[in-house]
PDB file of N, CA and C in Angstrom:
ATOM      1  N   MET A   1     221.039 -24.387-131.277  1.00  0.00           N
ATOM      2  CA  MET A   1     219.882 -24.083-132.551  1.00  0.00           C
ATOM      3  C   MET A   1     219.569 -25.471-133.728  1.00  0.00           C
ATOM      4  N   ALA A   2     218.627 -25.144-134.186  1.00  0.00           N
ATOM      5  CA  ALA A   2     217.751 -25.991-134.889  1.00  0.00           C
ATOM      6  C   ALA A   2     217.614 -25.719-136.310  1.00  0.00           C
ATOM      7  N   VAL A   3     217.502 -26.502-137.197  1.00  0.00           N
ATOM      8  CA  VAL A   3     217.755 -25.834-139.015  1.00  0.00           C
ATOM      9  C   VAL A   3     216.373 -26.929-139.035  1.00  0.00           C
ATOM     10  N   ILE A   4     215.332 -26.573-139.237  1.00  0.00           N
ATOM     11  CA  ILE A   4     214.646 -27.344-139.070  1.00  0.00           C
ATOM     12  C   ILE A   4     213.561 -26.987-140.603  1.00  0.00           C
ATOM     13  N   GLY A   5     213.480 -28.302-141.690  1.00  0.00           N
ATOM     14  CA  GLY A   5     212.527 -28.172-142.673  1.00  0.00           C
ATOM     15  C   GLY A   5     213.294 -28.598-143.835  1.00  0.00           C
ATOM     16  N   PRO A   6     212.456 -29.459-144.549  1.00  0.00           N
ATOM     17  CA  PRO A   6     212.743 -30.262-146.065  1.00  0.00           C
ATOM     18  C   PRO A   6     213.921 -29.812-147.072  1.00  0.00           C
ATOM     19  N   SER A   7     214.308 -28.578-146.612  1.00  0.00           N
ATOM     20  CA  SER A   7     215.535 -28.196-147.556  1.00  0.00           C
ATOM     21  C   SER A   7     216.323 -27.699-146.739  1.00  0.00           C
ATOM     22  N   ALA A   8     216.461 -27.771-145.294  1.00  0.00           N
ATOM     23  CA  ALA A   8     217.563 -27.108-144.760  1.00  0.00           C
ATOM     24  C   ALA A   8     218.960 -28.117-144.759  1.00  0.00           C
ATOM     25  N   ASN A   9     218.541 -29.481-145.078  1.00  0.00           N
ATOM     26  CA  ASN A   9     219.798 -30.258-145.063  1.00  0.00           C
ATOM     27  C   ASN A   9     219.927 -30.705-146.345  1.00  0.00           C
ATOM     28  N   SER A  10     219.528 -30.073-147.657  1.00  0.00           N
ATOM     29  CA  SER A  10     219.401 -31.016-148.718  1.00  0.00           C
ATOM     30  C   SER A  10     219.934 -30.373-149.871  1.00  0.00           C
ATOM     31  N   ARG A  11     221.330 -30.847-150.591  1.00  0.00           N
ATOM     32  CA  ARG A  11     221.955 -29.993-151.393  1.00  0.00           C
ATOM     33  C   ARG A  11     221.623 -30.138-152.691  1.00  0.00           C
ATOM     34  N   ARG A  12     220.422 -31.164-153.018  1.00  0.00           N
ATOM     35  CA  ARG A  12     219.554 -31.301-154.184  1.00  0.00           C
ATOM     36  C   ARG A  12     218.854 -30.040-154.022  1.00  0.00           C
ATOM     37  N   ASP A  13     218.170 -29.793-153.137  1.00  0.00           N
ATOM     38  CA  ASP A  13     217.473 -28.480-153.221  1.00  0.00           C
ATOM     39  C   ASP A  13     217.859 -27.468-152.983  1.00  0.00           C
ATOM     40  N   MET A  14     219.138 -27.243-152.591  1.00  0.00           N
ATOM     41  CA  MET A  14     220.003 -25.999-153.005  1.00  0.00           C
ATOM     42  C   MET A  14     220.071 -25.384-154.330  1.00  0.00           C
ATOM     43  N   VAL A  15     221.078 -26.850-155.066  1.00  0.00           N
ATOM     44  CA  VAL A  15     220.914 -26.801-156.168  1.00  0.00           C
ATOM     45  C   VAL A  15     219.624 -26.271-157.016  1.00  0.00           C
ATOM     46  N   GLY A  16     218.437 -26.897-157.187  1.00  0.00           N
ATOM     47  CA  GLY A  16     217.418 -26.418-157.466  1.00  0.00           C
ATOM     48  C   GLY A  16     216.790 -27.803-158.737  1.00  0.00           C
ATOM     49  N   PRO A  17     215.341 -27.711-159.153  1.00  0.00           N
ATOM     50  CA  PRO A  17     215.630 -28.856-159.966  1.00  0.00           C
ATOM     51  C   PRO A  17     215.885 -28.725-161.090  1.00  0.00           C
ATOM     52  N   CYS A  18     216.844 -27.584-161.994  1.00  0.00           N
ATOM     53  CA  CYS A  18     217.056 -27.516-163.469  1.00  0.00           C
ATOM     54  C   CYS A  18     218.240 -27.811-163.188  1.00  0.00           C
ATOM     55  N   ALA A  19     219.146 -28.397-162.209  1.00  0.00           N
ATOM     56  CA  ALA A  19     220.664 -28.824-162.704  1.00  0.00           C
ATOM     57  C   ALA A  19     220.386 -30.551-162.952  1.00  0.00           C
ATOM     58  N   PHE A  20     222.136 -30.604-163.412  1.00  0.00           N
ATOM     59  CA  PHE A  20     221.590 -32.054-164.448  1.00  0.00           C
ATOM     60  C   PHE A  20     222.492 -32.846-163.035  1.00  0.00           C
ATOM     61  N   GLN A  21     223.118 -32.235-162.124  1.00  0.00           N
ATOM     62  CA  GLN A  21     224.473 -33.098-160.924  1.00  0.00           C
ATOM     63  C   GLN A  21     223.574 -33.194-159.804  1.00  0.00           C
ATOM     64  N   TYR A  22     223.166 -32.885-158.706  1.00  0.00           N
ATOM     65  CA  TYR A  22     222.400 -32.683-157.796  1.00  0.00           C
ATOM     66  C   TYR A  22     223.266 -32.686-156.706  1.00  0.00           C
ATOM     67  N   ASP A  23     224.068 -33.571-156.723  1.00  0.00           N
ATOM     68  CA  ASP A  23     225.060 -33.537-155.185  1.00  0.00           C
ATOM     69  C   ASP A  23     226.498 -32.530-155.345  1.00  0.00           C
ATOM     70  N   LEU A  24     226.705 -31.846-156.027  1.00  0.00           N
ATOM     71  CA  LEU A  24     227.819 -31.291-156.214  1.00  0.00           C
ATOM     72  C   LEU A  24     228.704 -30.864-155.049  1.00  0.00           C
ATOM     73  N   PRO A  25     229.859 -31.319-155.271  1.00  0.00           N
ATOM     74  CA  PRO A  25     230.796 -31.187-154.383  1.00  0.00           C
ATOM     75  C   PRO A  25     230.693 -29.607-153.493  1.00  0.00           C
ATOM     76  N   GLU A  26     230.896 -28.993-154.500  1.00  0.00           N
ATOM     77  CA  GLU A  26     230.204 -27.036-154.021  1.00  0.00           C
ATOM     78  C   GLU A  26     229.492 -27.003-153.368  1.00  0.00           C
ATOM     79  N   THR A  27     228.607 -27.747-153.315  1.00  0.00           N
ATOM     80  CA  THR A  27     226.919 -27.158-152.976  1.00  0.00           C
ATOM     81  C   THR A  27     227.176 -27.408-151.369  1.00  0.00           C
ATOM     82  N   VAL A  28     226.971 -26.452-150.340  1.00  0.00           N
ATOM     83  CA  VAL A  28     226.172 -26.290-149.421  1.00  0.00           C
ATOM     84  C   VAL A  28     225.089 -26.049-148.890  1.00  0.00           C
ATOM     85  N   THR A  29     224.890 -27.023-147.864  1.00  0.00           N
ATOM     86  CA  THR A  29     223.445 -26.512-147.456  1.00  0.00           C
ATOM     87  C   THR A  29     223.541 -25.476-146.147  1.00  0.00           C
ATOM     88  N   LEU A  30     221.874 -25.045-146.270  1.00  0.00           N
ATOM     89  CA  LEU A  30     221.966 -24.311-145.124  1.00  0.00           C
ATOM     90  C   LEU A  30     222.391 -24.662-143.607  1.00  0.00           C
ATOM     91  N   PHE A  31     221.627 -25.580-143.252  1.00  0.00           N
ATOM     92  CA  PHE A  31     222.190 -26.496-142.387  1.00  0.00           C
ATOM     93  C   PHE A  31     224.379 -25.991-142.061  1.00  0.00           C
ATOM     94  N   GLU A  32     224.193 -27.105-142.758  1.00  0.00           N
ATOM     95  CA  GLU A  32     226.157 -27.117-143.188  1.00  0.00           C
ATOM     96  C   GLU A  32     226.728 -25.868-142.445  1.00  0.00           C
ATOM     97  N   GLY A  33     226.236 -24.433-143.658  1.00  0.00           N
ATOM     98  CA  GLY A  33     226.915 -23.583-143.626  1.00  0.00           C
ATOM     99  C   GLY A  33     226.450 -23.036-142.332  1.00  0.00           C
ATOM    100  N   ILE A  34     225.612 -22.717-141.717  1.00  0.00           N
ATOM    101  CA  ILE A  34     225.329 -22.567-139.976  1.00  0.00           C
ATOM    102  C   ILE A  34     225.875 -22.886-139.185  1.00  0.00           C
ATOM    103  N   ARG A  35     226.003 -24.296-139.093  1.00  0.00           N
ATOM    104  CA  ARG A  35     226.803 -25.506-138.263  1.00  0.00           C
ATOM    105  C   ARG A  35     228.700 -24.952-138.562  1.00  0.00           C
ATOM    106  N   ASP A  36     228.875 -24.853-139.876  1.00  0.00           N
ATOM    107  CA  ASP A  36     230.178 -24.651-140.242  1.00  0.00           C
ATOM    108  C   ASP A  36     230.886 -23.123-139.730  1.00  0.00           C
ATOM    109  N   ARG A  37     229.838 -22.538-139.691  1.00  0.00           N
ATOM    110  CA  ARG A  37     230.344 -20.841-138.637  1.00  0.00           C
ATOM    111  C   ARG A  37     230.042 -21.009-137.498  1.00  0.00           C
ATOM    112  N   LEU A  38     228.890 -21.303-137.033  1.00  0.00           N
ATOM    113  CA  LEU A  38     228.633 -21.604-135.430  1.00  0.00           C
ATOM    114  C   LEU A  38     228.950 -22.925-134.602  1.00  0.00           C
ATOM    115  N   GLY A  39     229.193 -23.745-135.454  1.00  0.00           N
ATOM    116  CA  GLY A  39     229.308 -24.984-134.903  1.00  0.00           C
ATOM    117  C   GLY A  39     230.396 -25.328-133.158  1.00  0.00           C
ATOM    118  N   SER A  40     231.732 -24.161-133.409  1.00  0.00           N
ATOM    119  CA  SER A  40     232.159 -24.691-132.510  1.00  0.00           C
ATOM    120  C   SER A  40     231.895 -23.788-131.391  1.00  0.00           C
ATOM    121  N   VAL A  41     230.833 -22.821-131.759  1.00  0.00           N
ATOM    122  CA  VAL A  41     230.453 -21.904-130.663  1.00  0.00           C
ATOM    123  C   VAL A  41     228.681 -22.561-129.871  1.00  0.00           C
ATOM    124  N   ILE A  42     228.385 -22.877-130.828  1.00  0.00           N
ATOM    125  CA  ILE A  42     226.921 -23.576-130.283  1.00  0.00           C
ATOM    126  C   ILE A  42     226.550 -24.840-130.985  1.00  0.00           C
ATOM    127  N   THR A  43     225.465 -25.775-129.991  1.00  0.00           N
ATOM    128  CA  THR A  43     225.177 -26.851-131.067  1.00  0.00           C
ATOM    129  C   THR A  43     224.326 -26.456-132.081  1.00  0.00           C
ATOM    130  N   VAL A  44     224.578 -26.977-133.330  1.00  0.00           N
ATOM    131  CA  VAL A  44     223.496 -26.820-134.231  1.00  0.00           C
ATOM    132  C   VAL A  44     222.842 -28.182-134.984  1.00  0.00           C
ATOM    133  N   GLU A  45     221.429 -28.209-134.629  1.00  0.00           N
ATOM    134  CA  GLU A  45     221.136 -29.834-135.487  1.00  0.00           C
ATOM    135  C   GLU A  45     219.950 -29.364-136.774  1.00  0.00           C
ATOM    136  N   THR A  46     219.572 -30.180-136.962  1.00  0.00           N
ATOM    137  CA  THR A  46     218.358 -30.474-137.903  1.00  0.00           C
ATOM    138  C   THR A  46     217.619 -31.474-138.364  1.00  0.00           C
ATOM    139  N   ALA A  47     216.979 -31.614-138.775  1.00  0.00           N
ATOM    140  CA  ALA A  47     215.802 -32.411-138.896  1.00  0.00           C
ATOM    141  C   ALA A  47     214.742 -32.147-140.159  1.00  0.00           C
ATOM    142  N   PRO A  48     214.573 -32.837-140.942  1.00  0.00           N
ATOM    143  CA  PRO A  48     213.563 -32.181-142.047  1.00  0.00           C
ATOM    144  C   PRO A  48     211.720 -31.866-141.700  1.00  0.00           C
ATOM    145  N   GLY A  49     211.514 -32.751-140.507  1.00  0.00           N
ATOM    146  CA  GLY A  49     210.171 -32.529-140.223  1.00  0.00           C
ATOM    147  C   GLY A  49     209.341 -32.928-141.219  1.00  0.00           C
ATOM    148  N   VAL A  50     209.252 -32.948-142.526  1.00  0.00           N
ATOM    149  CA  VAL A  50     207.911 -32.925-143.399  1.00  0.00           C
ATOM    150  C   VAL A  50     208.814 -33.007-144.508  1.00  0.00           C
ATOM    151  N   GLN A  51     208.572 -34.267-145.666  1.00  0.00           N
ATOM    152  CA  GLN A  51     208.877 -34.576-146.754  1.00  0.00           C
ATOM    153  C   GLN A  51     208.566 -33.776-148.152  1.00  0.00           C
ATOM    154  N   MET A  52     209.081 -32.576-149.000  1.00  0.00           N
ATOM    155  CA  MET A  52     208.348 -32.119-149.965  1.00  0.00           C
ATOM    156  C   MET A  52     207.769 -33.313-150.890  1.00  0.00           C
ATOM    157  N   LYS A  53     206.822 -32.849-151.002  1.00  0.00           N
ATOM    158  CA  LYS A  53     206.005 -33.546-152.562  1.00  0.00           C
ATOM    159  C   LYS A  53     206.163 -32.620-153.473  1.00  0.00           C
ATOM    160  N   ARG A  54     206.686 -33.134-154.512  1.00  0.00           N
ATOM    161  CA  ARG A  54     207.031 -32.778-155.987  1.00  0.00           C
ATOM    162  C   ARG A  54     205.601 -32.906-156.591  1.00  0.00           C
ATOM    163  N   ASN A  55     204.574 -32.065-157.228  1.00  0.00           N
ATOM    164  CA  ASN A  55     203.905 -32.689-158.221  1.00  0.00           C
ATOM    165  C   ASN A  55     203.850 -32.411-159.447  1.00  0.00           C
ATOM    166  N   VAL A  56     204.867 -31.895-159.816  1.00  0.00           N
ATOM    167  CA  VAL A  56     205.291 -31.880-161.469  1.00  0.00           C
ATOM    168  C   VAL A  56     207.294 -32.168-161.036  1.00  0.00           C
ATOM    169  N   PRO A  57     207.401 -33.792-161.319  1.00  0.00           N
ATOM    170  CA  PRO A  57     208.959 -33.607-161.052  1.00  0.00           C
ATOM    171  C   PRO A  57     210.063 -32.844-162.101  1.00  0.00           C
ATOM    172  N   SER A  58     210.806 -32.801-162.205  1.00  0.00           N
ATOM    173  CA  SER A  58     211.919 -31.517-162.770  1.00  0.00           C
ATOM    174  C   SER A  58     212.132 -32.593-164.105  1.00  0.00           C
ATOM    175  N   ILE A  59     212.113 -32.263-165.334  1.00  0.00           N
ATOM    176  CA  ILE A  59     212.121 -33.229-166.332  1.00  0.00           C
ATOM    177  C   ILE A  59     213.928 -33.723-166.054  1.00  0.00           C
ATOM    178  N   PHE A  60     214.792 -33.175-165.485  1.00  0.00           N
ATOM    179  CA  PHE A  60     216.214 -33.330-165.467  1.00  0.00           C
ATOM    180  C   PHE A  60     216.094 -34.761-164.229  1.00  0.00           C
ATOM    181  N   GLU A  61     215.082 -35.080-163.733  1.00  0.00           N
ATOM    182  CA  GLU A  61     215.395 -36.613-163.170  1.00  0.00           C
ATOM    183  C   GLU A  61     214.891 -37.934-163.817  1.00  0.00           C
ATOM    184  N   THR A  62     214.504 -37.535-165.126  1.00  0.00           N
ATOM    185  CA  THR A  62     214.133 -38.808-165.619  1.00  0.00           C
ATOM    186  C   THR A  62     215.408 -38.845-166.392  1.00  0.00           C
ATOM    187  N   ILE A  63     216.692 -38.035-166.866  1.00  0.00           N
ATOM    188  CA  ILE A  63     218.040 -38.665-167.382  1.00  0.00           C
ATOM    189  C   ILE A  63     218.622 -38.901-166.803  1.00  0.00           C
ATOM    190  N   THR A  64     219.277 -40.633-167.085  1.00  0.00           N
ATOM    191  CA  THR A  64     220.244 -41.129-166.096  1.00  0.00           C
ATOM    192  C   THR A  64     221.408 -40.534-166.324  1.00  0.00           C
ATOM    193  N   ILE A  65     221.906 -39.507-164.887  1.00  0.00           N
ATOM    194  CA  ILE A  65     223.557 -39.633-165.385  1.00  0.00           C
ATOM    195  C   ILE A  65     224.415 -40.616-164.390  1.00  0.00           C
ATOM    196  N   PRO A  66     225.342 -40.849-164.807  1.00  0.00           N
ATOM    197  CA  PRO A  66     226.432 -42.070-163.524  1.00  0.00           C
ATOM    198  C   PRO A  66     226.489 -40.692-162.908  1.00  0.00           C
ATOM    199  N   GLY A  67     226.455 -40.986-161.473  1.00  0.00           N
ATOM    200  CA  GLY A  67     226.397 -40.576-160.206  1.00  0.00           C
ATOM    201  C   GLY A  67     225.736 -39.597-159.399  1.00  0.00           C
ATOM    202  N   ALA A  68     224.680 -39.148-160.500  1.00  0.00           N
ATOM    203  CA  ALA A  68     223.698 -38.107-159.941  1.00  0.00           C
ATOM    204  C   ALA A  68     222.526 -38.836-158.666  1.00  0.00           C
ATOM    205  N   ALA A  69     222.019 -37.714-157.984  1.00  0.00           N
ATOM    206  CA  ALA A  69     221.198 -38.519-157.037  1.00  0.00           C
ATOM    207  C   ALA A  69     219.873 -38.380-157.438  1.00  0.00           C
ATOM    208  N   LYS A  70     219.272 -39.824-156.810  1.00  0.00           N
ATOM    209  CA  LYS A  70     218.052 -40.436-157.574  1.00  0.00           C
ATOM    210  C   LYS A  70     217.038 -39.902-156.988  1.00  0.00           C
ATOM    211  N   PRO A  71     216.009 -39.618-156.792  1.00  0.00           N
ATOM    212  CA  PRO A  71     214.964 -39.134-156.203  1.00  0.00           C
ATOM    213  C   PRO A  71     214.418 -39.851-154.950  1.00  0.00           C
ATOM    214  N   GLU A  72     214.724 -38.957-153.579  1.00  0.00           N
ATOM    215  CA  GLU A  72     213.925 -39.646-152.308  1.00  0.00           C
ATOM    216  C   GLU A  72     212.984 -40.522-152.450  1.00  0.00           C
ATOM    217  N   PRO A  73     212.876 -41.429-152.134  1.00  0.00           N
ATOM    218  CA  PRO A  73     211.432 -42.469-151.847  1.00  0.00           C
ATOM    219  C   PRO A  73     210.813 -41.688-150.634  1.00  0.00           C
ATOM    220  N   ARG A  74     209.275 -42.122-151.333  1.00  0.00           N
ATOM    221  CA  ARG A  74     208.042 -41.193-149.904  1.00  0.00           C
ATOM    222  C   ARG A  74     208.176 -42.171-148.792  1.00  0.00           C
ATOM    223  N   TRP A  75     208.244 -41.395-147.902  1.00  0.00           N
ATOM    224  CA  TRP A  75     208.090 -41.666-146.477  1.00  0.00           C
ATOM    225  C   TRP A  75     206.849 -42.521-146.112  1.00  0.00           C
ATOM    226  N   SER A  76     206.913 -43.566-145.590  1.00  0.00           N
ATOM    227  CA  SER A  76     205.590 -44.020-145.076  1.00  0.00           C
ATOM    228  C   SER A  76     205.133 -43.544-144.074  1.00  0.00           C
ATOM    229  N   GLU A  77     203.623 -43.571-143.599  1.00  0.00           N
ATOM    230  CA  GLU A  77     203.549 -42.636-142.444  1.00  0.00           C
ATOM    231  C   GLU A  77     203.663 -42.048-141.268  1.00  0.00           C
ATOM    232  N   ALA A  78     204.329 -44.072-140.855  1.00  0.00           N
ATOM    233  CA  ALA A  78     204.709 -44.208-139.929  1.00  0.00           C
ATOM    234  C   ALA A  78     206.287 -43.112-139.624  1.00  0.00           C
ATOM    235  N   GLN A  79     206.689 -43.094-141.028  1.00  0.00           N
ATOM    236  CA  GLN A  79     207.843 -41.882-140.492  1.00  0.00           C
ATOM    237  C   GLN A  79     208.002 -40.911-140.845  1.00  0.00           C
ATOM    238  N   ALA A  80     206.448 -40.641-141.328  1.00  0.00           N
ATOM    239  CA  ALA A  80     206.088 -38.967-142.026  1.00  0.00           C
ATOM    240  C   ALA A  80     206.002 -38.653-139.960  1.00  0.00           C
ATOM    241  N   ALA A  81     205.089 -39.235-139.888  1.00  0.00           N
ATOM    242  CA  ALA A  81     205.117 -38.942-138.328  1.00  0.00           C
ATOM    243  C   ALA A  81     206.106 -38.726-137.514  1.00  0.00           C
ATOM    244  N   ALA A  82     207.049 -39.591-137.730  1.00  0.00           N
ATOM    245  CA  ALA A  82     208.512 -40.013-137.036  1.00  0.00           C
ATOM    246  C   ALA A  82     208.911 -38.649-136.994  1.00  0.00           C
ATOM    247  N   GLU A  83     209.327 -38.282-138.304  1.00  0.00           N
ATOM    248  CA  GLU A  83     210.138 -37.392-138.748  1.00  0.00           C
ATOM    249  C   GLU A  83     209.175 -35.766-137.987  1.00  0.00           C
ATOM    250  N   PHE A  84     207.970 -36.012-138.294  1.00  0.00           N
ATOM    251  CA  PHE A  84     207.462 -34.782-137.844  1.00  0.00           C
ATOM    252  C   PHE A  84     207.949 -34.398-135.941  1.00  0.00           C
ATOM    253  N   GLU A  85     207.688 -35.366-135.209  1.00  0.00           N
ATOM    254  CA  GLU A  85     207.799 -35.070-134.042  1.00  0.00           C
ATOM    255  C   GLU A  85     208.975 -35.169-133.467  1.00  0.00           C
ATOM    256  N   HIS A  86     210.081 -35.718-134.096  1.00  0.00           N
ATOM    257  CA  HIS A  86     211.694 -35.559-133.786  1.00  0.00           C
ATOM    258  C   HIS A  86     211.954 -33.673-134.110  1.00  0.00           C
ATOM    259  N   ALA A  87     211.318 -33.367-135.475  1.00  0.00           N
ATOM    260  CA  ALA A  87     211.379 -31.947-135.639  1.00  0.00           C
ATOM    261  C   ALA A  87     210.768 -31.192-134.515  1.00  0.00           C
ATOM    262  N   SER A  88     209.683 -31.524-133.672  1.00  0.00           N
ATOM    263  CA  SER A  88     208.815 -30.676-133.129  1.00  0.00           C
ATOM    264  C   SER A  88     209.528 -30.734-131.913  1.00  0.00           C
ATOM    265  N   ALA A  89     210.026 -31.792-131.605  1.00  0.00           N
ATOM    266  CA  ALA A  89     210.884 -32.089-129.875  1.00  0.00           C
ATOM    267  C   ALA A  89     212.481 -30.977-130.383  1.00  0.00           C
ATOM    268  N   LEU A  90     212.698 -31.524-131.592  1.00  0.00           N
ATOM    269  CA  LEU A  90     214.242 -30.657-132.114  1.00  0.00           C
ATOM    270  C   LEU A  90     213.556 -28.798-131.409  1.00  0.00           C
ATOM    271  N   ALA A  91     212.745 -28.742-132.094  1.00  0.00           N
ATOM    272  CA  ALA A  91     212.908 -27.025-131.936  1.00  0.00           C
ATOM    273  C   ALA A  91     212.723 -26.935-130.373  1.00  0.00           C
ATOM    274  N   GLY A  92     211.551 -27.387-130.242  1.00  0.00           N
ATOM    275  CA  GLY A  92     211.005 -27.150-128.639  1.00  0.00           C
ATOM    276  C   GLY A  92     211.987 -27.140-127.768  1.00  0.00           C
ATOM    277  N   SER A  93     213.330 -27.987-127.733  1.00  0.00           N
ATOM    278  CA  SER A  93     214.042 -27.799-126.985  1.00  0.00           C
ATOM    279  C   SER A  93     215.259 -27.266-127.354  1.00  0.00           C
ATOM    280  N   ALA A  94     215.631 -25.797-128.366  1.00  0.00           N
ATOM    281  CA  ALA A  94     216.139 -25.333-128.801  1.00  0.00           C
ATOM    282  C   ALA A  94     216.454 -23.264-128.497  1.00  0.00           C
ATOM    283  N   ASP A  95     217.218 -22.986-128.312  1.00  0.00           N
ATOM    284  CA  ASP A  95     216.821 -21.409-127.934  1.00  0.00           C
ATOM    285  C   ASP A  95     216.582 -21.180-129.075  1.00  0.00           C
ATOM    286  N   LEU A  96     216.961 -21.307-130.609  1.00  0.00           N
ATOM    287  CA  LEU A  96     216.830 -20.374-131.661  1.00  0.00           C
ATOM    288  C   LEU A  96     216.598 -21.693-132.800  1.00  0.00           C
ATOM    289  N   VAL A  97     215.545 -21.466-133.496  1.00  0.00           N
ATOM    290  CA  VAL A  97     215.242 -21.971-134.578  1.00  0.00           C
ATOM    291  C   VAL A  97     215.069 -21.030-135.906  1.00  0.00           C
ATOM    292  N   VAL A  98     215.709 -21.951-137.231  1.00  0.00           N
ATOM    293  CA  VAL A  98     215.676 -21.094-138.043  1.00  0.00           C
ATOM    294  C   VAL A  98     215.037 -22.332-138.960  1.00  0.00           C
ATOM    295  N   LEU A  99     213.559 -21.828-139.448  1.00  0.00           N
ATOM    296  CA  LEU A  99     213.029 -22.852-139.957  1.00  0.00           C
ATOM    297  C   LEU A  99     212.833 -22.702-142.202  1.00  0.00           C
ATOM    298  N   THR A 100     213.080 -23.597-142.538  1.00  0.00           N
ATOM    299  CA  THR A 100     213.056 -23.426-144.066  1.00  0.00           C
ATOM    300  C   THR A 100     211.631 -23.566-144.451  1.00  0.00           C
ATOM    301  N   LEU A 101     211.113 -23.214-145.328  1.00  0.00           N
ATOM    302  CA  LEU A 101     209.644 -23.394-145.714  1.00  0.00           C
ATOM    303  C   LEU A 101     209.913 -22.989-147.385  1.00  0.00           C
ATOM    304  N   ALA A 102     208.642 -23.862-147.908  1.00  0.00           N
ATOM    305  CA  ALA A 102     208.263 -23.695-149.057  1.00  0.00           C
ATOM    306  C   ALA A 102     207.293 -23.352-149.364  1.00  0.00           C
ATOM    307  N   ARG A 103     207.055 -22.538-150.815  1.00  0.00           N
ATOM    308  CA  ARG A 103     205.983 -21.847-150.873  1.00  0.00           C
ATOM    309  C   ARG A 103     204.583 -23.050-151.379  1.00  0.00           C
ATOM    310  N   ARG A 104     203.542 -23.729-151.257  1.00  0.00           N
ATOM    311  CA  ARG A 104     202.771 -24.297-151.893  1.00  0.00           C
ATOM    312  C   ARG A 104     202.101 -23.890-152.859  1.00  0.00           C
ATOM    313  N   ARG A 105     202.354 -23.850-154.303  1.00  0.00           N
ATOM    314  CA  ARG A 105     201.881 -23.481-155.135  1.00  0.00           C
ATOM    315  C   ARG A 105     200.523 -23.878-155.669  1.00  0.00           C
ATOM    316  N   THR A 106     199.274 -23.428-155.641  1.00  0.00           N
ATOM    317  CA  THR A 106     198.212 -23.956-155.655  1.00  0.00           C
ATOM    318  C   THR A 106     197.860 -23.667-157.234  1.00  0.00           C
TER     319      THR A 106
END
């Protein structure tokens, strides 16, 4: 099984943009939940494929809190191409794909 998408294994995105502390210990990503539930029966892998772009960052990202997750640096064009290729290959080799999508607001 492949769990693909930029929020598939992102604790920060599971918590949401309005939380002060992004990497809470009790937060479980979609990938982690599936892997923990089915990982003893099947192989579960993940890949982001693309990087989410936030046009308007959360106001909470500007507040400095010790131990809080920092915003991820933007991927280079080469890294973006490699991540997309890896996710495509993973999806192509999987028997089942769970795809996480985000709605683009215009």
